[in-house]
Amino acid sequence: MRGEGRAVELVCAVLTEQGCRIAARTYRALKAGSRGLSARTVTDAAVLDAVRSVAFTLDRHGRRKRTPEGLYGRRRMTAYLRRQGHMVTPGSVDRAMTALGLEGVRRGKKVFTTVPDPAASRAPDLVGRDFTATAPDQLWVTDFT
């Protein structure tokens, strides 16, 4: 309509006077649906297929099974797909992994604990808890706990 020199609001107002109520927003929404798919939607579908083919495989019973690459995070999955020759961006991989419900494995810090030996004896207190020195370089202490 705009290309023909008519405003959408004006045409909708005339239609409303004639008994056919339609809002300008409704017209624009219907018009937007007839444009087809956006480029982002098309590329996101291609990235979704690429991520799905990397992250999942079928076992001998035909059930979907996650591959080791399916445990990759967004950054590693993006790098892997680029090495495979796919033109992907981190954002498109992020959207695809979210749509598939994939998350990378989060590895926590290793917990190092000291297991005391009950049979071991404690180191003796050689200064008798008196940490005052009579002169420099006379008393050296350390804490090894």
C-alpha atoms as a PDB file:
ATOM      1  CA  MET A   1       0.000   0.000   0.000  1.00  0.00           C
ATOM      2  CA  ARG A   2       2.738   2.422   0.898  1.00  0.00           C
ATOM      3  CA  GLY A   3       4.395   1.802  -2.452  1.00  0.00           C
ATOM      4  CA  GLU A   4       1.158   2.954  -4.125  1.00  0.00           C
ATOM      5  CA  GLY A   5       1.105   6.163  -2.077  1.00  0.00           C
ATOM      6  CA  ARG A   6      -1.512   5.099   0.474  1.00  0.00           C
ATOM      7  CA  ALA A   7      -0.944   5.054   4.224  1.00  0.00           C
ATOM      8  CA  VAL A   8      -1.900   1.861   6.024  1.00  0.00           C
ATOM      9  CA  GLU A   9      -3.676   3.743   8.804  1.00  0.00           C
ATOM     10  CA  LEU A  10      -5.848   5.661   6.338  1.00  0.00           C
ATOM     11  CA  VAL A  11      -6.904   2.523   4.474  1.00  0.00           C
ATOM     12  CA  CYS A  12      -7.676   0.740   7.761  1.00  0.00           C
ATOM     13  CA  ALA A  13      -9.781   3.724   8.889  1.00  0.00           C
ATOM     14  CA  VAL A  14     -11.826   3.570   5.666  1.00  0.00           C
ATOM     15  CA  LEU A  15     -12.310  -0.183   6.100  1.00  0.00           C
ATOM     16  CA  THR A  16     -13.464   0.373   9.685  1.00  0.00           C
ATOM     17  CA  GLU A  17     -16.062   2.906   8.467  1.00  0.00           C
ATOM     18  CA  GLN A  18     -17.335   0.285   6.027  1.00  0.00           C
ATOM     19  CA  GLY A  19     -17.757  -2.275   8.818  1.00  0.00           C
ATOM     20  CA  CYS A  20     -14.563  -4.299   8.321  1.00  0.00           C
ATOM     21  CA  ARG A  21     -12.478  -3.564  11.402  1.00  0.00           C
ATOM     22  CA  ILE A  22      -8.799  -4.246  10.928  1.00  0.00           C
ATOM     23  CA  ALA A  23      -5.955  -2.617  12.815  1.00  0.00           C
ATOM     24  CA  ALA A  24      -2.859  -1.331  11.052  1.00  0.00           C
ATOM     25  CA  ARG A  25      -0.723  -3.566  13.240  1.00  0.00           C
ATOM     26  CA  THR A  26      -2.747  -6.607  12.167  1.00  0.00           C
ATOM     27  CA  TYR A  27      -2.294  -5.714   8.508  1.00  0.00           C
ATOM     28  CA  ARG A  28       1.449  -5.294   8.942  1.00  0.00           C
ATOM     29  CA  ALA A  29       1.709  -8.626  10.779  1.00  0.00           C
ATOM     30  CA  LEU A  30      -0.136 -10.397   7.957  1.00  0.00           C
ATOM     31  CA  LYS A  31       2.048  -8.669   5.379  1.00  0.00           C
ATOM     32  CA  ALA A  32       5.234  -9.628   7.255  1.00  0.00           C
ATOM     33  CA  GLY A  33       4.193 -13.281   7.213  1.00  0.00           C
ATOM     34  CA  SER A  34       4.016 -13.283   3.428  1.00  0.00           C
ATOM     35  CA  ARG A  35       7.657 -12.199   3.026  1.00  0.00           C
ATOM     36  CA  GLY A  36       9.047 -15.661   3.614  1.00  0.00           C
ATOM     37  CA  LEU A  37      11.849 -16.749   5.893  1.00  0.00           C
ATOM     38  CA  SER A  38      14.568 -14.379   6.998  1.00  0.00           C
ATOM     39  CA  ALA A  39      18.216 -15.089   6.262  1.00  0.00           C
ATOM     40  CA  ARG A  40      18.878 -15.610   9.964  1.00  0.00           C
ATOM     41  CA  THR A  41      16.160 -18.255  10.190  1.00  0.00           C
ATOM     42  CA  VAL A  42      17.629 -20.116   7.223  1.00  0.00           C
ATOM     43  CA  THR A  43      21.210 -20.035   8.548  1.00  0.00           C
ATOM     44  CA  ASP A  44      20.050 -20.957  12.057  1.00  0.00           C
ATOM     45  CA  ALA A  45      18.311 -24.029  10.627  1.00  0.00           C
ATOM     46  CA  ALA A  46      21.522 -25.055   8.854  1.00  0.00           C
ATOM     47  CA  VAL A  47      23.569 -24.556  12.034  1.00  0.00           C
ATOM     48  CA  LEU A  48      20.965 -26.489  14.030  1.00  0.00           C
ATOM     49  CA  ASP A  49      21.316 -29.436  11.635  1.00  0.00           C
ATOM     50  CA  ALA A  50      25.118 -29.250  11.847  1.00  0.00           C
ATOM     51  CA  VAL A  51      25.106 -29.196  15.660  1.00  0.00           C
ATOM     52  CA  ARG A  52      22.560 -32.023  15.775  1.00  0.00           C
ATOM     53  CA  SER A  53      24.670 -34.190  13.450  1.00  0.00           C
ATOM     54  CA  VAL A  54      27.786 -33.565  15.564  1.00  0.00           C
ATOM     55  CA  ALA A  55      26.160 -33.935  18.981  1.00  0.00           C
ATOM     56  CA  PHE A  56      23.952 -36.969  18.367  1.00  0.00           C
ATOM     57  CA  THR A  57      24.134 -40.312  16.623  1.00  0.00           C
ATOM     58  CA  LEU A  58      21.809 -43.284  16.402  1.00  0.00           C
ATOM     59  CA  ASP A  59      22.629 -46.490  18.218  1.00  0.00           C
ATOM     60  CA  ARG A  60      21.891 -49.943  16.808  1.00  0.00           C
ATOM     61  CA  HIS A  61      18.290 -49.768  18.106  1.00  0.00           C
ATOM     62  CA  GLY A  62      17.641 -46.476  16.326  1.00  0.00           C
ATOM     63  CA  ARG A  63      17.645 -44.408  19.503  1.00  0.00           C
ATOM     64  CA  ARG A  64      19.360 -41.058  19.629  1.00  0.00           C
ATOM     65  CA  LYS A  65      22.581 -41.143  21.617  1.00  0.00           C
ATOM     66  CA  ARG A  66      24.900 -38.264  22.522  1.00  0.00           C
ATOM     67  CA  THR A  67      28.414 -38.351  21.104  1.00  0.00           C
ATOM     68  CA  PRO A  68      31.476 -37.134  23.020  1.00  0.00           C
ATOM     69  CA  GLU A  69      31.381 -33.966  20.909  1.00  0.00           C
ATOM     70  CA  GLY A  70      27.879 -33.371  22.276  1.00  0.00           C
ATOM     71  CA  LEU A  71      29.473 -32.513  25.601  1.00  0.00           C
ATOM     72  CA  TYR A  72      31.344 -29.568  24.091  1.00  0.00           C
ATOM     73  CA  GLY A  73      30.534 -26.053  25.200  1.00  0.00           C
ATOM     74  CA  ARG A  74      29.638 -23.203  22.885  1.00  0.00           C
ATOM     75  CA  ARG A  75      33.208 -22.089  22.180  1.00  0.00           C
ATOM     76  CA  ARG A  76      34.562 -25.557  21.536  1.00  0.00           C
ATOM     77  CA  MET A  77      31.530 -26.531  19.430  1.00  0.00           C
ATOM     78  CA  THR A  78      31.998 -23.380  17.309  1.00  0.00           C
ATOM     79  CA  ALA A  79      35.670 -24.196  16.748  1.00  0.00           C
ATOM     80  CA  TYR A  80      34.845 -27.831  15.940  1.00  0.00           C
ATOM     81  CA  LEU A  81      32.191 -26.883  13.371  1.00  0.00           C
ATOM     82  CA  ARG A  82      34.532 -24.368  11.744  1.00  0.00           C
ATOM     83  CA  ARG A  83      37.212 -27.065  11.440  1.00  0.00           C
ATOM     84  CA  GLN A  84      34.589 -29.255   9.759  1.00  0.00           C
ATOM     85  CA  GLY A  85      34.039 -26.510   7.166  1.00  0.00           C
ATOM     86  CA  HIS A  86      30.781 -24.996   8.436  1.00  0.00           C
ATOM     87  CA  MET A  87      30.433 -21.213   8.391  1.00  0.00           C
ATOM     88  CA  VAL A  88      29.085 -20.614  11.899  1.00  0.00           C
ATOM     89  CA  THR A  89      29.133 -17.816  14.432  1.00  0.00           C
ATOM     90  CA  PRO A  90      29.190 -18.198  18.222  1.00  0.00           C
ATOM     91  CA  GLY A  91      25.703 -16.699  18.460  1.00  0.00           C
ATOM     92  CA  SER A  92      24.176 -19.126  15.985  1.00  0.00           C
ATOM     93  CA  VAL A  93      25.833 -22.082  17.721  1.00  0.00           C
ATOM     94  CA  ASP A  94      24.552 -20.767  21.052  1.00  0.00           C
ATOM     95  CA  ARG A  95      20.984 -20.561  19.736  1.00  0.00           C
ATOM     96  CA  ALA A  96      21.225 -24.046  18.198  1.00  0.00           C
ATOM     97  CA  MET A  97      22.599 -25.627  21.366  1.00  0.00           C
ATOM     98  CA  THR A  98      19.905 -23.929  23.449  1.00  0.00           C
ATOM     99  CA  ALA A  99      17.211 -25.210  21.080  1.00  0.00           C
ATOM    100  CA  LEU A 100      18.603 -28.751  21.343  1.00  0.00           C
ATOM    101  CA  GLY A 101      18.975 -28.541  25.125  1.00  0.00           C
ATOM    102  CA  LEU A 102      22.752 -29.009  24.996  1.00  0.00           C
ATOM    103  CA  GLU A 103      25.130 -27.642  27.590  1.00  0.00           C
ATOM    104  CA  GLY A 104      28.831 -28.150  27.865  1.00  0.00           C
ATOM    105  CA  VAL A 105      30.264 -30.169  30.711  1.00  0.00           C
ATOM    106  CA  ARG A 106      31.315 -27.991  33.616  1.00  0.00           C
ATOM    107  CA  ARG A 107      34.335 -29.367  35.316  1.00  0.00           C
ATOM    108  CA  GLY A 108      34.813 -28.221  38.880  1.00  0.00           C
ATOM    109  CA  LYS A 109      38.027 -27.626  40.711  1.00  0.00           C
ATOM    110  CA  LYS A 110      39.813 -30.692  41.946  1.00  0.00           C
ATOM    111  CA  VAL A 111      39.499 -31.017  45.684  1.00  0.00           C
ATOM    112  CA  PHE A 112      42.794 -31.787  47.328  1.00  0.00           C
ATOM    113  CA  THR A 113      42.458 -32.927  50.899  1.00  0.00           C
ATOM    114  CA  THR A 114      45.110 -33.940  53.359  1.00  0.00           C
ATOM    115  CA  VAL A 115      44.353 -37.191  55.067  1.00  0.00           C
ATOM    116  CA  PRO A 116      46.136 -37.176  58.430  1.00  0.00           C
ATOM    117  CA  ASP A 117      47.930 -40.287  59.532  1.00  0.00           C
ATOM    118  CA  PRO A 118      46.639 -41.134  63.006  1.00  0.00           C
ATOM    119  CA  ALA A 119      49.861 -43.004  63.847  1.00  0.00           C
ATOM    120  CA  ALA A 120      52.141 -40.065  62.969  1.00  0.00           C
ATOM    121  CA  SER A 121      53.472 -37.862  65.748  1.00  0.00           C
ATOM    122  CA  ARG A 122      53.192 -34.087  65.745  1.00  0.00           C
ATOM    123  CA  ALA A 123      56.238 -31.958  65.128  1.00  0.00           C
ATOM    124  CA  PRO A 124      57.593 -30.638  68.430  1.00  0.00           C
ATOM    125  CA  ASP A 125      57.185 -26.963  69.429  1.00  0.00           C
ATOM    126  CA  LEU A 126      60.843 -25.927  69.604  1.00  0.00           C
ATOM    127  CA  VAL A 127      60.208 -22.291  70.652  1.00  0.00           C
ATOM    128  CA  GLY A 128      57.626 -23.065  73.319  1.00  0.00           C
ATOM    129  CA  ARG A 129      55.076 -20.643  71.759  1.00  0.00           C
ATOM    130  CA  ASP A 130      57.426 -17.719  72.537  1.00  0.00           C
ATOM    131  CA  PHE A 131      57.877 -15.849  69.251  1.00  0.00           C
ATOM    132  CA  THR A 132      59.986 -12.956  70.551  1.00  0.00           C
ATOM    133  CA  ALA A 133      63.587 -12.752  69.339  1.00  0.00           C
ATOM    134  CA  THR A 134      66.438 -11.177  71.297  1.00  0.00           C
ATOM    135  CA  ALA A 135      68.214 -10.028  68.133  1.00  0.00           C
ATOM    136  CA  PRO A 136      67.694 -10.159  64.370  1.00  0.00           C
ATOM    137  CA  ASP A 137      68.201 -13.521  62.729  1.00  0.00           C
ATOM    138  CA  GLN A 138      67.858 -15.412  66.034  1.00  0.00           C
ATOM    139  CA  LEU A 139      64.402 -16.992  65.678  1.00  0.00           C
ATOM    140  CA  TRP A 140      62.920 -18.389  62.497  1.00  0.00           C
ATOM    141  CA  VAL A 141      59.425 -19.872  62.440  1.00  0.00           C
ATOM    142  CA  THR A 142      57.142 -21.149  59.723  1.00  0.00           C
ATOM    143  CA  ASP A 143      53.629 -22.485  59.425  1.00  0.00           C
ATOM    144  CA  PHE A 144      53.226 -25.623  57.355  1.00  0.00           C
ATOM    145  CA  THR A 145      49.563 -26.336  57.964  1.00  0.00           C
END
